[in-house]
Amino acid sequence: MPANKKENIVFGICMCFIMVFFMGLLNISIHLGGFNLNSIKTTFVAFPITLIIAYILETFVVGKINHILLEKFVKETDSKNSFILFNCFFIVTMMSLIMTIIGGLLGGDNLQTIFTEFFVRWPRNFCAAFFLNILIAGPVSRFILRLMQQHNKEESKETPKEELKETI
């Protein structure tokens, strides 16, 4: 898991990037009547603003609430997998609730339509997002984070040698 602010930002951006793109593609494809070139184009157009909104929400609202919930439900003696599952469950629950509404608004739906269809859209979004997070976004983001951490370890080992060479 992220060990510092820089790693936390990289991890968060990776997670948001994957989740926003694929959840956007799913919902836009459903909204436009199927997966086609138009739904892909629309996803790319909507992606930047949706990514920014999702990252801000996750970082400044959902992430804070998630941290509080994790402290209540996961103890230091629990396994890493229990932490990952609780983290995924809390984040996906909160983000899917909020983004179901925001996605509808960004898609041009009025509030009446959003709330009328909420109990159809949200369970679908929750299930898709949960499995996307567990099976793809989480593992890919953790892999990128591990690469970053390994690079940082190697770089910190090399730094004293380089400094020593410069002094000679």
N, C-alpha and C. Protein backbone atom coordinates (compact mmCIF):
# COMPACT_ATOMS: atom_id res chain seq x y z
N MET A 1 0.85 -1.18 0.00
CA MET A 1 0.00 0.00 0.00
C MET A 1 0.89 1.25 0.00
N PRO A 2 0.32 2.39 -0.38
CA PRO A 2 1.13 3.61 -0.46
C PRO A 2 1.78 3.95 0.88
N ALA A 3 3.07 4.33 0.81
CA ALA A 3 3.83 4.64 2.03
C ALA A 3 4.01 6.13 2.25
N ASN A 4 3.73 6.93 1.22
CA ASN A 4 3.87 8.38 1.36
C ASN A 4 2.87 9.09 0.44
N LYS A 5 2.89 10.42 0.49
CA LYS A 5 1.91 11.21 -0.26
C LYS A 5 2.04 11.01 -1.77
N LYS A 6 3.27 10.98 -2.27
CA LYS A 6 3.50 10.79 -3.70
C LYS A 6 2.94 9.45 -4.17
N GLU A 7 3.23 8.39 -3.41
CA GLU A 7 2.73 7.07 -3.76
C GLU A 7 1.20 7.03 -3.68
N ASN A 8 0.65 7.72 -2.69
CA ASN A 8 -0.80 7.77 -2.54
C ASN A 8 -1.46 8.44 -3.75
N ILE A 9 -0.84 9.50 -4.24
CA ILE A 9 -1.37 10.21 -5.42
C ILE A 9 -1.30 9.31 -6.65
N VAL A 10 -0.16 8.67 -6.87
CA VAL A 10 0.00 7.79 -8.03
C VAL A 10 -0.99 6.63 -7.96
N PHE A 11 -1.11 6.01 -6.79
CA PHE A 11 -2.04 4.90 -6.61
C PHE A 11 -3.48 5.37 -6.87
N GLY A 12 -3.85 6.51 -6.31
CA GLY A 12 -5.20 7.04 -6.49
C GLY A 12 -5.52 7.37 -7.93
N ILE A 13 -4.55 7.95 -8.63
CA ILE A 13 -4.77 8.28 -10.04
C ILE A 13 -4.92 7.00 -10.87
N CYS A 14 -4.08 6.00 -10.59
CA CYS A 14 -4.20 4.72 -11.31
C CYS A 14 -5.58 4.10 -11.10
N MET A 15 -6.00 4.04 -9.85
CA MET A 15 -7.31 3.46 -9.54
C MET A 15 -8.43 4.24 -10.23
N CYS A 16 -8.40 5.56 -10.09
CA CYS A 16 -9.45 6.40 -10.69
C CYS A 16 -9.45 6.27 -12.21
N PHE A 17 -8.26 6.25 -12.80
CA PHE A 17 -8.15 6.16 -14.26
C PHE A 17 -8.87 4.92 -14.77
N ILE A 18 -8.54 3.78 -14.19
CA ILE A 18 -9.12 2.51 -14.64
C ILE A 18 -10.62 2.47 -14.33
N MET A 19 -10.99 2.81 -13.10
CA MET A 19 -12.39 2.74 -12.71
C MET A 19 -13.27 3.69 -13.52
N VAL A 20 -12.83 4.93 -13.67
CA VAL A 20 -13.63 5.93 -14.39
C VAL A 20 -13.78 5.54 -15.86
N PHE A 21 -12.70 5.11 -16.48
CA PHE A 21 -12.80 4.77 -17.90
C PHE A 21 -13.77 3.62 -18.14
N PHE A 22 -13.58 2.52 -17.42
CA PHE A 22 -14.40 1.34 -17.70
C PHE A 22 -15.84 1.48 -17.19
N MET A 23 -16.02 2.13 -16.05
CA MET A 23 -17.39 2.36 -15.58
C MET A 23 -18.11 3.36 -16.50
N GLY A 24 -17.37 4.36 -16.98
CA GLY A 24 -17.95 5.30 -17.93
C GLY A 24 -18.34 4.59 -19.22
N LEU A 25 -17.47 3.74 -19.72
CA LEU A 25 -17.76 2.99 -20.94
C LEU A 25 -19.00 2.11 -20.76
N LEU A 26 -19.10 1.44 -19.62
CA LEU A 26 -20.27 0.61 -19.34
C LEU A 26 -21.54 1.44 -19.35
N ASN A 27 -21.56 2.51 -18.57
CA ASN A 27 -22.78 3.30 -18.44
C ASN A 27 -23.14 4.06 -19.71
N ILE A 28 -22.15 4.57 -20.41
CA ILE A 28 -22.43 5.26 -21.67
C ILE A 28 -22.93 4.27 -22.72
N SER A 29 -22.35 3.07 -22.77
CA SER A 29 -22.82 2.05 -23.70
C SER A 29 -24.28 1.68 -23.42
N ILE A 30 -24.62 1.53 -22.16
CA ILE A 30 -26.01 1.21 -21.80
C ILE A 30 -26.91 2.37 -22.19
N HIS A 31 -26.49 3.59 -21.88
CA HIS A 31 -27.29 4.79 -22.16
C HIS A 31 -27.51 4.99 -23.66
N LEU A 32 -26.49 4.65 -24.47
CA LEU A 32 -26.59 4.85 -25.92
C LEU A 32 -27.10 3.61 -26.66
N GLY A 33 -27.48 2.59 -25.92
CA GLY A 33 -28.08 1.41 -26.55
C GLY A 33 -27.13 0.33 -26.98
N GLY A 34 -25.89 0.39 -26.55
CA GLY A 34 -24.96 -0.69 -26.85
C GLY A 34 -23.53 -0.21 -26.99
N PHE A 35 -22.62 -1.16 -27.00
CA PHE A 35 -21.20 -0.89 -27.15
C PHE A 35 -20.90 -0.72 -28.63
N ASN A 36 -20.49 0.49 -29.02
CA ASN A 36 -20.18 0.77 -30.42
C ASN A 36 -19.18 1.92 -30.47
N LEU A 37 -18.84 2.34 -31.68
CA LEU A 37 -17.87 3.42 -31.85
C LEU A 37 -18.34 4.71 -31.20
N ASN A 38 -19.63 4.99 -31.25
CA ASN A 38 -20.17 6.20 -30.64
C ASN A 38 -20.01 6.18 -29.12
N SER A 39 -20.24 5.02 -28.50
CA SER A 39 -20.09 4.94 -27.04
C SER A 39 -18.62 5.08 -26.63
N ILE A 40 -17.72 4.58 -27.45
CA ILE A 40 -16.29 4.73 -27.17
C ILE A 40 -15.87 6.20 -27.28
N LYS A 41 -16.32 6.86 -28.35
CA LYS A 41 -16.00 8.29 -28.54
C LYS A 41 -16.56 9.12 -27.39
N THR A 42 -17.80 8.86 -27.02
CA THR A 42 -18.43 9.60 -25.94
C THR A 42 -17.70 9.38 -24.62
N THR A 43 -17.25 8.16 -24.39
CA THR A 43 -16.48 7.85 -23.18
C THR A 43 -15.20 8.68 -23.13
N PHE A 44 -14.49 8.77 -24.25
CA PHE A 44 -13.25 9.56 -24.29
C PHE A 44 -13.52 11.04 -24.07
N VAL A 45 -14.64 11.54 -24.57
CA VAL A 45 -14.99 12.95 -24.38
C VAL A 45 -15.32 13.22 -22.91
N ALA A 46 -16.09 12.33 -22.29
CA ALA A 46 -16.52 12.52 -20.89
C ALA A 46 -15.42 12.19 -19.89
N PHE A 47 -14.43 11.42 -20.32
CA PHE A 47 -13.42 10.90 -19.40
C PHE A 47 -12.68 11.96 -18.59
N PRO A 48 -12.12 13.02 -19.20
CA PRO A 48 -11.31 13.95 -18.39
C PRO A 48 -12.07 14.60 -17.24
N ILE A 49 -13.26 15.12 -17.50
CA ILE A 49 -14.01 15.78 -16.42
C ILE A 49 -14.46 14.77 -15.37
N THR A 50 -14.85 13.59 -15.81
CA THR A 50 -15.28 12.55 -14.87
C THR A 50 -14.11 12.10 -14.00
N LEU A 51 -12.94 11.97 -14.60
CA LEU A 51 -11.74 11.58 -13.85
C LEU A 51 -11.42 12.61 -12.77
N ILE A 52 -11.47 13.88 -13.13
CA ILE A 52 -11.18 14.95 -12.17
C ILE A 52 -12.19 14.92 -11.02
N ILE A 53 -13.47 14.80 -11.35
CA ILE A 53 -14.51 14.76 -10.33
C ILE A 53 -14.30 13.56 -9.40
N ALA A 54 -14.07 12.38 -9.99
CA ALA A 54 -13.90 11.17 -9.19
C ALA A 54 -12.66 11.26 -8.30
N TYR A 55 -11.56 11.79 -8.84
CA TYR A 55 -10.33 11.88 -8.04
C TYR A 55 -10.52 12.85 -6.86
N ILE A 56 -11.15 13.97 -7.11
CA ILE A 56 -11.39 14.95 -6.04
C ILE A 56 -12.31 14.35 -4.97
N LEU A 57 -13.38 13.69 -5.40
CA LEU A 57 -14.30 13.06 -4.45
C LEU A 57 -13.60 11.99 -3.62
N GLU A 58 -12.83 11.14 -4.30
CA GLU A 58 -12.16 10.04 -3.59
C GLU A 58 -11.11 10.59 -2.62
N THR A 59 -10.38 11.59 -3.04
CA THR A 59 -9.29 12.13 -2.22
C THR A 59 -9.80 12.92 -1.02
N PHE A 60 -10.78 13.78 -1.23
CA PHE A 60 -11.16 14.73 -0.20
C PHE A 60 -12.43 14.39 0.57
N VAL A 61 -13.23 13.47 0.08
CA VAL A 61 -14.47 13.12 0.78
C VAL A 61 -14.49 11.64 1.12
N VAL A 62 -14.58 10.81 0.09
CA VAL A 62 -14.73 9.37 0.29
C VAL A 62 -13.52 8.77 0.98
N GLY A 63 -12.33 9.21 0.60
CA GLY A 63 -11.11 8.68 1.21
C GLY A 63 -11.05 8.94 2.71
N LYS A 64 -11.50 10.11 3.12
CA LYS A 64 -11.50 10.47 4.56
C LYS A 64 -12.49 9.58 5.33
N ILE A 65 -13.69 9.42 4.77
CA ILE A 65 -14.70 8.56 5.42
C ILE A 65 -14.21 7.11 5.43
N ASN A 66 -13.61 6.67 4.32
CA ASN A 66 -13.08 5.32 4.22
C ASN A 66 -12.04 5.06 5.31
N HIS A 67 -11.17 6.01 5.54
CA HIS A 67 -10.12 5.87 6.57
C HIS A 67 -10.76 5.64 7.94
N ILE A 68 -11.80 6.38 8.25
CA ILE A 68 -12.50 6.23 9.54
C ILE A 68 -13.13 4.84 9.63
N LEU A 69 -13.77 4.41 8.56
CA LEU A 69 -14.42 3.09 8.56
C LEU A 69 -13.40 1.96 8.68
N LEU A 70 -12.28 2.10 7.98
CA LEU A 70 -11.24 1.06 8.06
C LEU A 70 -10.71 0.93 9.48
N GLU A 71 -10.54 2.05 10.18
CA GLU A 71 -10.06 1.99 11.57
C GLU A 71 -11.04 1.24 12.47
N LYS A 72 -12.33 1.32 12.16
CA LYS A 72 -13.34 0.64 12.97
C LYS A 72 -13.46 -0.85 12.64
N PHE A 73 -13.21 -1.21 11.39
CA PHE A 73 -13.46 -2.58 10.97
C PHE A 73 -12.22 -3.44 10.76
N VAL A 74 -11.08 -2.83 10.53
CA VAL A 74 -9.87 -3.60 10.26
C VAL A 74 -8.82 -3.25 11.31
N LYS A 75 -8.28 -4.28 11.92
CA LYS A 75 -7.25 -4.10 12.95
C LYS A 75 -5.88 -4.43 12.35
N GLU A 76 -4.83 -3.99 13.02
CA GLU A 76 -3.46 -4.24 12.54
C GLU A 76 -3.14 -5.72 12.44
N THR A 77 -3.81 -6.53 13.25
CA THR A 77 -3.55 -7.97 13.23
C THR A 77 -4.28 -8.68 12.09
N ASP A 78 -5.21 -7.99 11.41
CA ASP A 78 -5.94 -8.60 10.30
C ASP A 78 -5.02 -8.72 9.08
N SER A 79 -5.39 -9.61 8.20
CA SER A 79 -4.57 -9.85 7.01
C SER A 79 -4.63 -8.68 6.04
N LYS A 80 -3.65 -8.65 5.15
CA LYS A 80 -3.62 -7.63 4.10
C LYS A 80 -4.85 -7.77 3.20
N ASN A 81 -5.27 -9.01 2.95
CA ASN A 81 -6.45 -9.23 2.10
C ASN A 81 -7.72 -8.70 2.74
N SER A 82 -7.85 -8.80 4.06
CA SER A 82 -9.05 -8.24 4.70
C SER A 82 -9.06 -6.72 4.57
N PHE A 83 -7.87 -6.12 4.69
CA PHE A 83 -7.77 -4.67 4.49
C PHE A 83 -8.18 -4.31 3.06
N ILE A 84 -7.67 -5.04 2.09
CA ILE A 84 -7.98 -4.76 0.68
C ILE A 84 -9.48 -4.91 0.42
N LEU A 85 -10.09 -5.98 0.93
CA LEU A 85 -11.53 -6.21 0.69
C LEU A 85 -12.41 -5.16 1.36
N PHE A 86 -12.11 -4.82 2.61
CA PHE A 86 -12.89 -3.78 3.29
C PHE A 86 -12.70 -2.43 2.60
N ASN A 87 -11.47 -2.12 2.24
CA ASN A 87 -11.18 -0.88 1.55
C ASN A 87 -11.97 -0.80 0.24
N CYS A 88 -11.92 -1.87 -0.54
CA CYS A 88 -12.65 -1.94 -1.80
C CYS A 88 -14.15 -1.78 -1.56
N PHE A 89 -14.69 -2.50 -0.60
CA PHE A 89 -16.13 -2.44 -0.33
C PHE A 89 -16.57 -1.03 0.05
N PHE A 90 -15.85 -0.40 0.95
CA PHE A 90 -16.23 0.95 1.40
C PHE A 90 -16.10 1.98 0.28
N ILE A 91 -14.98 1.95 -0.42
CA ILE A 91 -14.76 2.92 -1.50
C ILE A 91 -15.78 2.72 -2.61
N VAL A 92 -15.96 1.47 -3.03
CA VAL A 92 -16.90 1.20 -4.13
C VAL A 92 -18.33 1.57 -3.74
N THR A 93 -18.72 1.27 -2.52
CA THR A 93 -20.07 1.62 -2.08
C THR A 93 -20.29 3.12 -2.15
N MET A 94 -19.39 3.88 -1.55
CA MET A 94 -19.57 5.34 -1.52
C MET A 94 -19.43 5.95 -2.91
N MET A 95 -18.40 5.56 -3.65
CA MET A 95 -18.18 6.15 -4.97
C MET A 95 -19.29 5.77 -5.94
N SER A 96 -19.78 4.54 -5.89
CA SER A 96 -20.85 4.15 -6.82
C SER A 96 -22.15 4.89 -6.50
N LEU A 97 -22.42 5.12 -5.23
CA LEU A 97 -23.61 5.91 -4.86
C LEU A 97 -23.51 7.32 -5.44
N ILE A 98 -22.39 7.97 -5.20
CA ILE A 98 -22.22 9.36 -5.63
C ILE A 98 -22.11 9.45 -7.14
N MET A 99 -21.28 8.60 -7.75
CA MET A 99 -21.04 8.70 -9.18
C MET A 99 -22.24 8.26 -10.01
N THR A 100 -23.13 7.44 -9.45
CA THR A 100 -24.37 7.11 -10.16
C THR A 100 -25.18 8.39 -10.38
N ILE A 101 -25.23 9.23 -9.39
CA ILE A 101 -25.96 10.51 -9.50
C ILE A 101 -25.20 11.47 -10.42
N ILE A 102 -23.90 11.65 -10.18
CA ILE A 102 -23.11 12.57 -10.98
C ILE A 102 -23.05 12.13 -12.44
N GLY A 103 -22.89 10.84 -12.66
CA GLY A 103 -22.86 10.31 -14.04
C GLY A 103 -24.16 10.60 -14.77
N GLY A 104 -25.28 10.45 -14.07
CA GLY A 104 -26.57 10.78 -14.68
C GLY A 104 -26.65 12.25 -15.05
N LEU A 105 -26.18 13.10 -14.15
CA LEU A 105 -26.19 14.55 -14.43
C LEU A 105 -25.28 14.89 -15.61
N LEU A 106 -24.08 14.31 -15.63
CA LEU A 106 -23.16 14.55 -16.74
C LEU A 106 -23.71 14.00 -18.05
N GLY A 107 -24.51 12.94 -17.96
CA GLY A 107 -25.12 12.35 -19.14
C GLY A 107 -26.35 13.08 -19.64
N GLY A 108 -26.75 14.12 -18.91
CA GLY A 108 -27.88 14.94 -19.36
C GLY A 108 -29.22 14.53 -18.80
N ASP A 109 -29.25 13.57 -17.89
CA ASP A 109 -30.52 13.16 -17.29
C ASP A 109 -30.97 14.21 -16.28
N ASN A 110 -32.28 14.37 -16.15
CA ASN A 110 -32.78 15.27 -15.11
C ASN A 110 -32.84 14.52 -13.79
N LEU A 111 -32.99 15.26 -12.70
CA LEU A 111 -32.97 14.64 -11.36
C LEU A 111 -34.09 13.62 -11.20
N GLN A 112 -35.25 13.87 -11.78
CA GLN A 112 -36.36 12.92 -11.66
C GLN A 112 -35.98 11.57 -12.28
N THR A 113 -35.37 11.61 -13.47
CA THR A 113 -34.94 10.37 -14.13
C THR A 113 -33.87 9.67 -13.31
N ILE A 114 -32.91 10.45 -12.81
CA ILE A 114 -31.82 9.86 -12.02
C ILE A 114 -32.38 9.14 -10.80
N PHE A 115 -33.27 9.79 -10.07
CA PHE A 115 -33.79 9.17 -8.85
C PHE A 115 -34.82 8.09 -9.14
N THR A 116 -35.54 8.20 -10.25
CA THR A 116 -36.48 7.14 -10.63
C THR A 116 -35.73 5.86 -10.99
N GLU A 117 -34.61 6.01 -11.68
CA GLU A 117 -33.84 4.84 -12.13
C GLU A 117 -32.69 4.47 -11.19
N PHE A 118 -32.57 5.18 -10.08
CA PHE A 118 -31.44 4.99 -9.17
C PHE A 118 -31.31 3.54 -8.71
N PHE A 119 -32.41 2.90 -8.35
CA PHE A 119 -32.32 1.54 -7.79
C PHE A 119 -32.17 0.47 -8.87
N VAL A 120 -32.10 0.90 -10.11
CA VAL A 120 -31.69 0.01 -11.20
C VAL A 120 -30.22 0.27 -11.50
N ARG A 121 -29.87 1.56 -11.60
CA ARG A 121 -28.51 1.95 -11.97
C ARG A 121 -27.49 1.65 -10.87
N TRP A 122 -27.80 2.02 -9.64
CA TRP A 122 -26.79 1.89 -8.59
C TRP A 122 -26.38 0.43 -8.32
N PRO A 123 -27.33 -0.52 -8.17
CA PRO A 123 -26.87 -1.90 -7.94
C PRO A 123 -25.99 -2.43 -9.08
N ARG A 124 -26.36 -2.08 -10.31
CA ARG A 124 -25.54 -2.49 -11.47
C ARG A 124 -24.16 -1.87 -11.37
N ASN A 125 -24.11 -0.57 -11.06
CA ASN A 125 -22.83 0.12 -10.95
C ASN A 125 -21.99 -0.43 -9.80
N PHE A 126 -22.64 -0.70 -8.67
CA PHE A 126 -21.91 -1.24 -7.53
C PHE A 126 -21.27 -2.59 -7.89
N CYS A 127 -22.08 -3.49 -8.44
CA CYS A 127 -21.55 -4.83 -8.78
C CYS A 127 -20.42 -4.76 -9.80
N ALA A 128 -20.62 -3.98 -10.85
CA ALA A 128 -19.58 -3.85 -11.88
C ALA A 128 -18.33 -3.23 -11.29
N ALA A 129 -18.49 -2.16 -10.51
CA ALA A 129 -17.34 -1.47 -9.92
C ALA A 129 -16.60 -2.35 -8.92
N PHE A 130 -17.34 -3.11 -8.13
CA PHE A 130 -16.70 -3.97 -7.13
C PHE A 130 -15.79 -4.99 -7.81
N PHE A 131 -16.32 -5.67 -8.83
CA PHE A 131 -15.52 -6.70 -9.50
C PHE A 131 -14.42 -6.08 -10.35
N LEU A 132 -14.67 -4.93 -10.96
CA LEU A 132 -13.62 -4.23 -11.69
C LEU A 132 -12.49 -3.84 -10.74
N ASN A 133 -12.84 -3.37 -9.56
CA ASN A 133 -11.85 -2.95 -8.57
C ASN A 133 -11.04 -4.15 -8.08
N ILE A 134 -11.74 -5.22 -7.68
CA ILE A 134 -11.07 -6.41 -7.12
C ILE A 134 -10.22 -7.14 -8.16
N LEU A 135 -10.74 -7.27 -9.38
CA LEU A 135 -10.07 -8.11 -10.38
C LEU A 135 -9.09 -7.37 -11.29
N ILE A 136 -9.30 -6.08 -11.51
CA ILE A 136 -8.45 -5.37 -12.47
C ILE A 136 -7.80 -4.13 -11.87
N ALA A 137 -8.59 -3.15 -11.47
CA ALA A 137 -8.04 -1.85 -11.04
C ALA A 137 -7.12 -1.99 -9.84
N GLY A 138 -7.54 -2.74 -8.83
CA GLY A 138 -6.71 -2.93 -7.64
C GLY A 138 -5.40 -3.62 -7.94
N PRO A 139 -5.44 -4.80 -8.57
CA PRO A 139 -4.17 -5.48 -8.87
C PRO A 139 -3.24 -4.66 -9.78
N VAL A 140 -3.78 -4.01 -10.80
CA VAL A 140 -2.94 -3.21 -11.69
C VAL A 140 -2.33 -2.03 -10.93
N SER A 141 -3.13 -1.35 -10.13
CA SER A 141 -2.63 -0.20 -9.36
C SER A 141 -1.60 -0.62 -8.33
N ARG A 142 -1.83 -1.76 -7.66
CA ARG A 142 -0.85 -2.24 -6.69
C ARG A 142 0.46 -2.67 -7.39
N PHE A 143 0.34 -3.24 -8.59
CA PHE A 143 1.53 -3.61 -9.37
C PHE A 143 2.35 -2.37 -9.72
N ILE A 144 1.68 -1.33 -10.20
CA ILE A 144 2.37 -0.07 -10.53
C ILE A 144 3.01 0.52 -9.27
N LEU A 145 2.29 0.46 -8.16
CA LEU A 145 2.82 0.97 -6.90
C LEU A 145 4.07 0.19 -6.48
N ARG A 146 4.03 -1.15 -6.61
CA ARG A 146 5.20 -1.97 -6.26
C ARG A 146 6.40 -1.61 -7.14
N LEU A 147 6.16 -1.41 -8.44
CA LEU A 147 7.25 -1.00 -9.34
C LEU A 147 7.85 0.33 -8.89
N MET A 148 6.98 1.25 -8.53
CA MET A 148 7.42 2.57 -8.06
C MET A 148 8.23 2.43 -6.77
N GLN A 149 7.76 1.62 -5.85
CA GLN A 149 8.46 1.42 -4.58
C GLN A 149 9.80 0.73 -4.79
N GLN A 150 9.85 -0.26 -5.69
CA GLN A 150 11.12 -0.93 -5.99
C GLN A 150 12.11 0.05 -6.61
N HIS A 151 11.62 0.88 -7.51
CA HIS A 151 12.48 1.90 -8.15
C HIS A 151 13.03 2.86 -7.09
N ASN A 152 12.17 3.27 -6.17
CA ASN A 152 12.60 4.19 -5.10
C ASN A 152 13.65 3.55 -4.21
N LYS A 153 13.49 2.24 -3.90
CA LYS A 153 14.48 1.53 -3.07
C LYS A 153 15.82 1.45 -3.80
N GLU A 154 15.78 1.10 -5.08
CA GLU A 154 17.01 1.01 -5.86
C GLU A 154 17.69 2.36 -5.97
N GLU A 155 16.89 3.39 -6.18
CA GLU A 155 17.42 4.74 -6.30
C GLU A 155 18.07 5.21 -4.99
N SER A 156 17.46 4.88 -3.87
CA SER A 156 18.02 5.29 -2.57
C SER A 156 19.30 4.52 -2.25
N LYS A 157 19.44 3.30 -2.76
CA LYS A 157 20.68 2.54 -2.57
C LYS A 157 21.81 3.11 -3.42
N GLU A 158 21.47 3.62 -4.60
CA GLU A 158 22.48 4.14 -5.52
C GLU A 158 22.94 5.54 -5.14
N THR A 159 22.12 6.32 -4.49
CA THR A 159 22.44 7.71 -4.19
C THR A 159 23.73 7.88 -3.40
N PRO A 160 23.97 7.14 -2.32
CA PRO A 160 25.24 7.33 -1.59
C PRO A 160 26.47 7.05 -2.45
N LYS A 161 26.41 6.05 -3.33
CA LYS A 161 27.55 5.73 -4.21
C LYS A 161 27.85 6.89 -5.14
N GLU A 162 26.80 7.49 -5.70
CA GLU A 162 26.99 8.61 -6.62
C GLU A 162 27.57 9.81 -5.88
N GLU A 163 27.08 10.05 -4.68
CA GLU A 163 27.60 11.16 -3.89
C GLU A 163 29.07 10.94 -3.55
N LEU A 164 29.43 9.68 -3.28
CA LEU A 164 30.80 9.36 -2.97
C LEU A 164 31.71 9.61 -4.18
N LYS A 165 31.26 9.25 -5.39
CA LYS A 165 32.02 9.46 -6.61
C LYS A 165 32.25 10.94 -6.86
N GLU A 166 31.22 11.75 -6.57
CA GLU A 166 31.33 13.19 -6.81
C GLU A 166 32.36 13.84 -5.89
N THR A 167 32.55 13.30 -4.70
CA THR A 167 33.50 13.89 -3.75
C THR A 167 34.95 13.54 -4.08
N ILE A 168 35.18 12.49 -4.89
CA ILE A 168 36.56 12.06 -5.22
C ILE A 168 37.12 12.84 -6.32
